[in-house]
PDB file of all heavy atoms in Angstrom:
ATOM      1  N   ALA A   1     -47.141 -54.477 -26.478  1.00  0.00           N
ATOM      2  CA  ALA A   1     -46.451 -54.837 -25.234  1.00  0.00           C
ATOM      3  C   ALA A   1     -46.182 -56.340 -25.170  1.00  0.00           C
ATOM      4  O   ALA A   1     -45.107 -56.769 -24.724  1.00  0.00           O
ATOM      5  CB  ALA A   1     -47.272 -54.398 -24.033  1.00  0.00           C
ATOM      6  N   ASP A   2     -47.139 -57.149 -25.618  1.00  0.00           N
ATOM      7  CA  ASP A   2     -46.937 -58.605 -25.636  1.00  0.00           C
ATOM      8  C   ASP A   2     -45.766 -58.979 -26.543  1.00  0.00           C
ATOM      9  O   ASP A   2     -44.954 -59.845 -26.202  1.00  0.00           O
ATOM     10  CB  ASP A   2     -48.206 -59.317 -26.127  1.00  0.00           C
ATOM     11  CG  ASP A   2     -49.318 -59.315 -25.089  1.00  0.00           C
ATOM     12  OD1 ASP A   2     -49.065 -58.975 -23.920  1.00  0.00           O
ATOM     13  OD2 ASP A   2     -50.459 -59.664 -25.470  1.00  0.00           O
ATOM     14  N   ALA A   3     -45.689 -58.326 -27.716  1.00  0.00           N
ATOM     15  CA  ALA A   3     -44.604 -58.626 -28.646  1.00  0.00           C
ATOM     16  C   ALA A   3     -43.259 -58.199 -28.074  1.00  0.00           C
ATOM     17  O   ALA A   3     -42.252 -58.912 -28.219  1.00  0.00           O
ATOM     18  CB  ALA A   3     -44.863 -57.940 -29.988  1.00  0.00           C
ATOM     19  N   LEU A   4     -43.226 -57.045 -27.425  1.00  0.00           N
ATOM     20  CA  LEU A   4     -41.985 -56.595 -26.786  1.00  0.00           C
ATOM     21  C   LEU A   4     -41.520 -57.594 -25.731  1.00  0.00           C
ATOM     22  O   LEU A   4     -40.352 -57.995 -25.699  1.00  0.00           O
ATOM     23  CB  LEU A   4     -42.209 -55.226 -26.138  1.00  0.00           C
ATOM     24  CG  LEU A   4     -42.236 -54.016 -27.069  1.00  0.00           C
ATOM     25  CD1 LEU A   4     -42.851 -52.806 -26.370  1.00  0.00           C
ATOM     26  CD2 LEU A   4     -40.830 -53.675 -27.566  1.00  0.00           C
ATOM     27  N   GLU A   5     -42.426 -58.006 -24.880  1.00  0.00           N
ATOM     28  CA  GLU A   5     -42.077 -58.936 -23.805  1.00  0.00           C
ATOM     29  C   GLU A   5     -41.609 -60.280 -24.364  1.00  0.00           C
ATOM     30  O   GLU A   5     -40.626 -60.850 -23.887  1.00  0.00           O
ATOM     31  CB  GLU A   5     -43.280 -59.131 -22.891  1.00  0.00           C
ATOM     32  CG  GLU A   5     -42.988 -59.988 -21.673  1.00  0.00           C
ATOM     33  CD  GLU A   5     -44.184 -60.051 -20.738  1.00  0.00           C
ATOM     34  OE1 GLU A   5     -45.292 -60.416 -21.199  1.00  0.00           O
ATOM     35  OE2 GLU A   5     -44.008 -59.724 -19.556  1.00  0.00           O
ATOM     36  N   ALA A   6     -42.308 -60.774 -25.384  1.00  0.00           N
ATOM     37  CA  ALA A   6     -41.937 -62.067 -25.967  1.00  0.00           C
ATOM     38  C   ALA A   6     -40.543 -62.033 -26.589  1.00  0.00           C
ATOM     39  O   ALA A   6     -39.857 -63.058 -26.650  1.00  0.00           O
ATOM     40  CB  ALA A   6     -42.971 -62.479 -27.015  1.00  0.00           C
ATOM     41  N   ALA A   7     -40.120 -60.843 -27.037  1.00  0.00           N
ATOM     42  CA  ALA A   7     -38.799 -60.716 -27.655  1.00  0.00           C
ATOM     43  C   ALA A   7     -37.721 -60.293 -26.655  1.00  0.00           C
ATOM     44  O   ALA A   7     -36.587 -60.016 -27.044  1.00  0.00           O
ATOM     45  CB  ALA A   7     -38.864 -59.706 -28.800  1.00  0.00           C
ATOM     46  N   GLY A   8     -38.077 -60.249 -25.376  1.00  0.00           N
ATOM     47  CA  GLY A   8     -37.090 -59.963 -24.348  1.00  0.00           C
ATOM     48  C   GLY A   8     -36.918 -58.503 -23.985  1.00  0.00           C
ATOM     49  O   GLY A   8     -35.944 -58.134 -23.322  1.00  0.00           O
ATOM     50  N   PHE A   9     -37.865 -57.666 -24.393  1.00  0.00           N
ATOM     51  CA  PHE A   9     -37.805 -56.240 -24.065  1.00  0.00           C
ATOM     52  C   PHE A   9     -38.794 -55.905 -22.948  1.00  0.00           C
ATOM     53  O   PHE A   9     -39.737 -56.648 -22.692  1.00  0.00           O
ATOM     54  CB  PHE A   9     -38.144 -55.392 -25.296  1.00  0.00           C
ATOM     55  CG  PHE A   9     -37.146 -55.479 -26.414  1.00  0.00           C
ATOM     56  CD1 PHE A   9     -37.370 -56.326 -27.497  1.00  0.00           C
ATOM     57  CD2 PHE A   9     -35.984 -54.729 -26.386  1.00  0.00           C
ATOM     58  CE1 PHE A   9     -36.455 -56.417 -28.541  1.00  0.00           C
ATOM     59  CE2 PHE A   9     -35.065 -54.812 -27.426  1.00  0.00           C
ATOM     60  CZ  PHE A   9     -35.299 -55.657 -28.499  1.00  0.00           C
ATOM     61  N   ASP A  10     -38.584 -54.754 -22.342  1.00  0.00           N
ATOM     62  CA  ASP A  10     -39.507 -54.225 -21.344  1.00  0.00           C
ATOM     63  C   ASP A  10     -40.820 -53.872 -22.045  1.00  0.00           C
ATOM     64  O   ASP A  10     -40.812 -53.200 -23.081  1.00  0.00           O
ATOM     65  CB  ASP A  10     -38.878 -52.975 -20.721  1.00  0.00           C
ATOM     66  CG  ASP A  10     -39.718 -52.358 -19.615  1.00  0.00           C
ATOM     67  OD1 ASP A  10     -40.916 -52.681 -19.495  1.00  0.00           O
ATOM     68  OD2 ASP A  10     -39.174 -51.528 -18.868  1.00  0.00           O
ATOM     69  N   ARG A  11     -41.925 -54.284 -21.487  1.00  0.00           N
ATOM     70  CA  ARG A  11     -43.231 -54.012 -22.078  1.00  0.00           C
ATOM     71  C   ARG A  11     -43.504 -52.511 -22.242  1.00  0.00           C
ATOM     72  O   ARG A  11     -44.257 -52.103 -23.113  1.00  0.00           O
ATOM     73  CB  ARG A  11     -44.346 -54.602 -21.203  1.00  0.00           C
ATOM     74  CG  ARG A  11     -44.412 -56.102 -21.188  1.00  0.00           C
ATOM     75  CD  ARG A  11     -45.504 -56.586 -20.248  1.00  0.00           C
ATOM     76  NE  ARG A  11     -46.841 -56.197 -20.705  1.00  0.00           N
ATOM     77  CZ  ARG A  11     -47.587 -56.920 -21.538  1.00  0.00           C
ATOM     78  NH1 ARG A  11     -47.120 -58.062 -22.017  1.00  0.00           N
ATOM     79  NH2 ARG A  11     -48.803 -56.506 -21.874  1.00  0.00           N
ATOM     80  N   ALA A  12     -42.873 -51.693 -21.408  1.00  0.00           N
ATOM     81  CA  ALA A  12     -43.178 -50.260 -21.393  1.00  0.00           C
ATOM     82  C   ALA A  12     -42.238 -49.422 -22.260  1.00  0.00           C
ATOM     83  O   ALA A  12     -42.298 -48.204 -22.230  1.00  0.00           O
ATOM     84  CB  ALA A  12     -43.146 -49.737 -19.959  1.00  0.00           C
ATOM     85  N   ILE A  13     -41.385 -50.067 -23.035  1.00  0.00           N
ATOM     86  CA  ILE A  13     -40.415 -49.319 -23.843  1.00  0.00           C
ATOM     87  C   ILE A  13     -41.090 -48.270 -24.719  1.00  0.00           C
ATOM     88  O   ILE A  13     -40.642 -47.123 -24.803  1.00  0.00           O
ATOM     89  CB  ILE A  13     -39.582 -50.278 -24.723  1.00  0.00           C
ATOM     90  CG1 ILE A  13     -38.443 -50.888 -23.904  1.00  0.00           C
ATOM     91  CG2 ILE A  13     -39.005 -49.549 -25.928  1.00  0.00           C
ATOM     92  CD1 ILE A  13     -37.574 -51.833 -24.700  1.00  0.00           C
ATOM     93  N   ALA A  14     -42.140 -48.652 -25.400  1.00  0.00           N
ATOM     94  CA  ALA A  14     -42.765 -47.750 -26.363  1.00  0.00           C
ATOM     95  C   ALA A  14     -43.238 -46.461 -25.702  1.00  0.00           C
ATOM     96  O   ALA A  14     -43.151 -45.379 -26.298  1.00  0.00           O
ATOM     97  CB  ALA A  14     -43.930 -48.443 -27.057  1.00  0.00           C
ATOM     98  N   ASP A  15     -43.708 -46.547 -24.469  1.00  0.00           N
ATOM     99  CA  ASP A  15     -44.206 -45.363 -23.774  1.00  0.00           C
ATOM    100  C   ASP A  15     -43.102 -44.368 -23.452  1.00  0.00           C
ATOM    101  O   ASP A  15     -43.358 -43.173 -23.293  1.00  0.00           O
ATOM    102  CB  ASP A  15     -44.895 -45.775 -22.468  1.00  0.00           C
ATOM    103  CG  ASP A  15     -46.108 -46.662 -22.713  1.00  0.00           C
ATOM    104  OD1 ASP A  15     -46.715 -46.526 -23.787  1.00  0.00           O
ATOM    105  OD2 ASP A  15     -46.422 -47.472 -21.827  1.00  0.00           O
ATOM    106  N   ARG A  16     -41.871 -44.845 -23.378  1.00  0.00           N
ATOM    107  CA  ARG A  16     -40.770 -43.976 -22.967  1.00  0.00           C
ATOM    108  C   ARG A  16     -40.128 -43.225 -24.128  1.00  0.00           C
ATOM    109  O   ARG A  16     -39.257 -42.386 -23.907  1.00  0.00           O
ATOM    110  CB  ARG A  16     -39.696 -44.810 -22.251  1.00  0.00           C
ATOM    111  CG  ARG A  16     -40.188 -45.421 -20.957  1.00  0.00           C
ATOM    112  CD  ARG A  16     -39.022 -45.834 -20.079  1.00  0.00           C
ATOM    113  NE  ARG A  16     -38.261 -46.953 -20.624  1.00  0.00           N
ATOM    114  CZ  ARG A  16     -38.528 -48.233 -20.368  1.00  0.00           C
ATOM    115  NH1 ARG A  16     -39.570 -48.554 -19.608  1.00  0.00           N
ATOM    116  NH2 ARG A  16     -37.783 -49.196 -20.876  1.00  0.00           N
ATOM    117  N   ALA A  17     -40.514 -43.557 -25.353  1.00  0.00           N
ATOM    118  CA  ALA A  17     -39.804 -42.959 -26.490  1.00  0.00           C
ATOM    119  C   ALA A  17     -40.745 -42.578 -27.627  1.00  0.00           C
ATOM    120  O   ALA A  17     -40.378 -42.645 -28.789  1.00  0.00           O
ATOM    121  CB  ALA A  17     -38.737 -43.923 -26.992  1.00  0.00           C
ATOM    122  N   MET A  18     -41.957 -42.147 -27.298  1.00  0.00           N
ATOM    123  CA  MET A  18     -42.941 -41.849 -28.325  1.00  0.00           C
ATOM    124  C   MET A  18     -42.488 -40.738 -29.263  1.00  0.00           C
ATOM    125  O   MET A  18     -42.561 -40.860 -30.474  1.00  0.00           O
ATOM    126  CB  MET A  18     -44.275 -41.462 -27.670  1.00  0.00           C
ATOM    127  CG  MET A  18     -45.407 -41.308 -28.657  1.00  0.00           C
ATOM    128  SD  MET A  18     -45.785 -42.828 -29.574  1.00  0.00           S
ATOM    129  CE  MET A  18     -46.418 -43.859 -28.257  1.00  0.00           C
ATOM    130  N   PHE A  19     -41.967 -39.641 -28.707  1.00  0.00           N
ATOM    131  CA  PHE A  19     -41.596 -38.507 -29.549  1.00  0.00           C
ATOM    132  C   PHE A  19     -40.377 -38.836 -30.407  1.00  0.00           C
ATOM    133  O   PHE A  19     -40.325 -38.515 -31.588  1.00  0.00           O
ATOM    134  CB  PHE A  19     -41.353 -37.263 -28.702  1.00  0.00           C
ATOM    135  CG  PHE A  19     -42.613 -36.756 -28.053  1.00  0.00           C
ATOM    136  CD1 PHE A  19     -42.781 -36.821 -26.682  1.00  0.00           C
ATOM    137  CD2 PHE A  19     -43.641 -36.235 -28.824  1.00  0.00           C
ATOM    138  CE1 PHE A  19     -43.944 -36.373 -26.085  1.00  0.00           C
ATOM    139  CE2 PHE A  19     -44.815 -35.783 -28.234  1.00  0.00           C
ATOM    140  CZ  PHE A  19     -44.958 -35.852 -26.860  1.00  0.00           C
ATOM    141  N   ALA A  20     -39.389 -39.474 -29.814  1.00  0.00           N
ATOM    142  CA  ALA A  20     -38.209 -39.868 -30.582  1.00  0.00           C
ATOM    143  C   ALA A  20     -38.588 -40.861 -31.674  1.00  0.00           C
ATOM    144  O   ALA A  20     -38.069 -40.810 -32.786  1.00  0.00           O
ATOM    145  CB  ALA A  20     -37.154 -40.468 -29.659  1.00  0.00           C
ATOM    146  N   GLY A  21     -39.511 -41.756 -31.350  1.00  0.00           N
ATOM    147  CA  GLY A  21     -39.961 -42.733 -32.337  1.00  0.00           C
ATOM    148  C   GLY A  21     -40.653 -42.066 -33.503  1.00  0.00           C
ATOM    149  O   GLY A  21     -40.421 -42.414 -34.666  1.00  0.00           O
ATOM    150  N   ALA A  22     -41.473 -41.078 -33.229  1.00  0.00           N
ATOM    151  CA  ALA A  22     -42.192 -40.382 -34.292  1.00  0.00           C
ATOM    152  C   ALA A  22     -41.223 -39.648 -35.209  1.00  0.00           C
ATOM    153  O   ALA A  22     -41.374 -39.669 -36.438  1.00  0.00           O
ATOM    154  CB  ALA A  22     -43.194 -39.406 -33.688  1.00  0.00           C
ATOM    155  N   GLU A  23     -40.208 -39.021 -34.618  1.00  0.00           N
ATOM    156  CA  GLU A  23     -39.234 -38.279 -35.424  1.00  0.00           C
ATOM    157  C   GLU A  23     -38.443 -39.230 -36.310  1.00  0.00           C
ATOM    158  O   GLU A  23     -38.250 -38.983 -37.503  1.00  0.00           O
ATOM    159  CB  GLU A  23     -38.309 -37.491 -34.492  1.00  0.00           C
ATOM    160  CG  GLU A  23     -37.392 -36.516 -35.203  1.00  0.00           C
ATOM    161  CD  GLU A  23     -36.125 -37.153 -35.755  1.00  0.00           C
ATOM    162  OE1 GLU A  23     -35.669 -38.168 -35.179  1.00  0.00           O
ATOM    163  OE2 GLU A  23     -35.596 -36.645 -36.759  1.00  0.00           O
ATOM    164  N   ARG A  24     -38.003 -40.344 -35.738  1.00  0.00           N
ATOM    165  CA  ARG A  24     -37.208 -41.307 -36.511  1.00  0.00           C
ATOM    166  C   ARG A  24     -38.061 -41.989 -37.581  1.00  0.00           C
ATOM    167  O   ARG A  24     -37.579 -42.274 -38.674  1.00  0.00           O
ATOM    168  CB  ARG A  24     -36.608 -42.344 -35.562  1.00  0.00           C
ATOM    169  CG  ARG A  24     -35.854 -43.488 -36.231  1.00  0.00           C
ATOM    170  CD  ARG A  24     -34.609 -43.027 -36.961  1.00  0.00           C
ATOM    171  NE  ARG A  24     -34.059 -44.079 -37.795  1.00  0.00           N
ATOM    172  CZ  ARG A  24     -33.089 -44.909 -37.417  1.00  0.00           C
ATOM    173  NH1 ARG A  24     -32.577 -44.827 -36.211  1.00  0.00           N
ATOM    174  NH2 ARG A  24     -32.636 -45.819 -38.261  1.00  0.00           N
ATOM    175  N   TYR A  25     -39.309 -42.233 -37.281  1.00  0.00           N
ATOM    176  CA  TYR A  25     -40.228 -42.871 -38.235  1.00  0.00           C
ATOM    177  C   TYR A  25     -40.324 -42.024 -39.505  1.00  0.00           C
ATOM    178  O   TYR A  25     -40.235 -42.546 -40.618  1.00  0.00           O
ATOM    179  CB  TYR A  25     -41.583 -43.022 -37.572  1.00  0.00           C
ATOM    180  CG  TYR A  25     -42.626 -43.806 -38.328  1.00  0.00           C
ATOM    181  CD1 TYR A  25     -42.394 -45.120 -38.722  1.00  0.00           C
ATOM    182  CD2 TYR A  25     -43.869 -43.253 -38.607  1.00  0.00           C
ATOM    183  CE1 TYR A  25     -43.370 -45.854 -39.384  1.00  0.00           C
ATOM    184  CE2 TYR A  25     -44.849 -43.972 -39.254  1.00  0.00           C
ATOM    185  CZ  TYR A  25     -44.593 -45.271 -39.651  1.00  0.00           C
ATOM    186  OH  TYR A  25     -45.571 -45.989 -40.300  1.00  0.00           O
TER     187      TYR A  25
END
């Protein structure tokens, strides 16, 4: 979350796309 925020993203992005992220990974 700290890295997301430092790069200008919403800290909660990862929580919203866990399943899609796993499939793409």
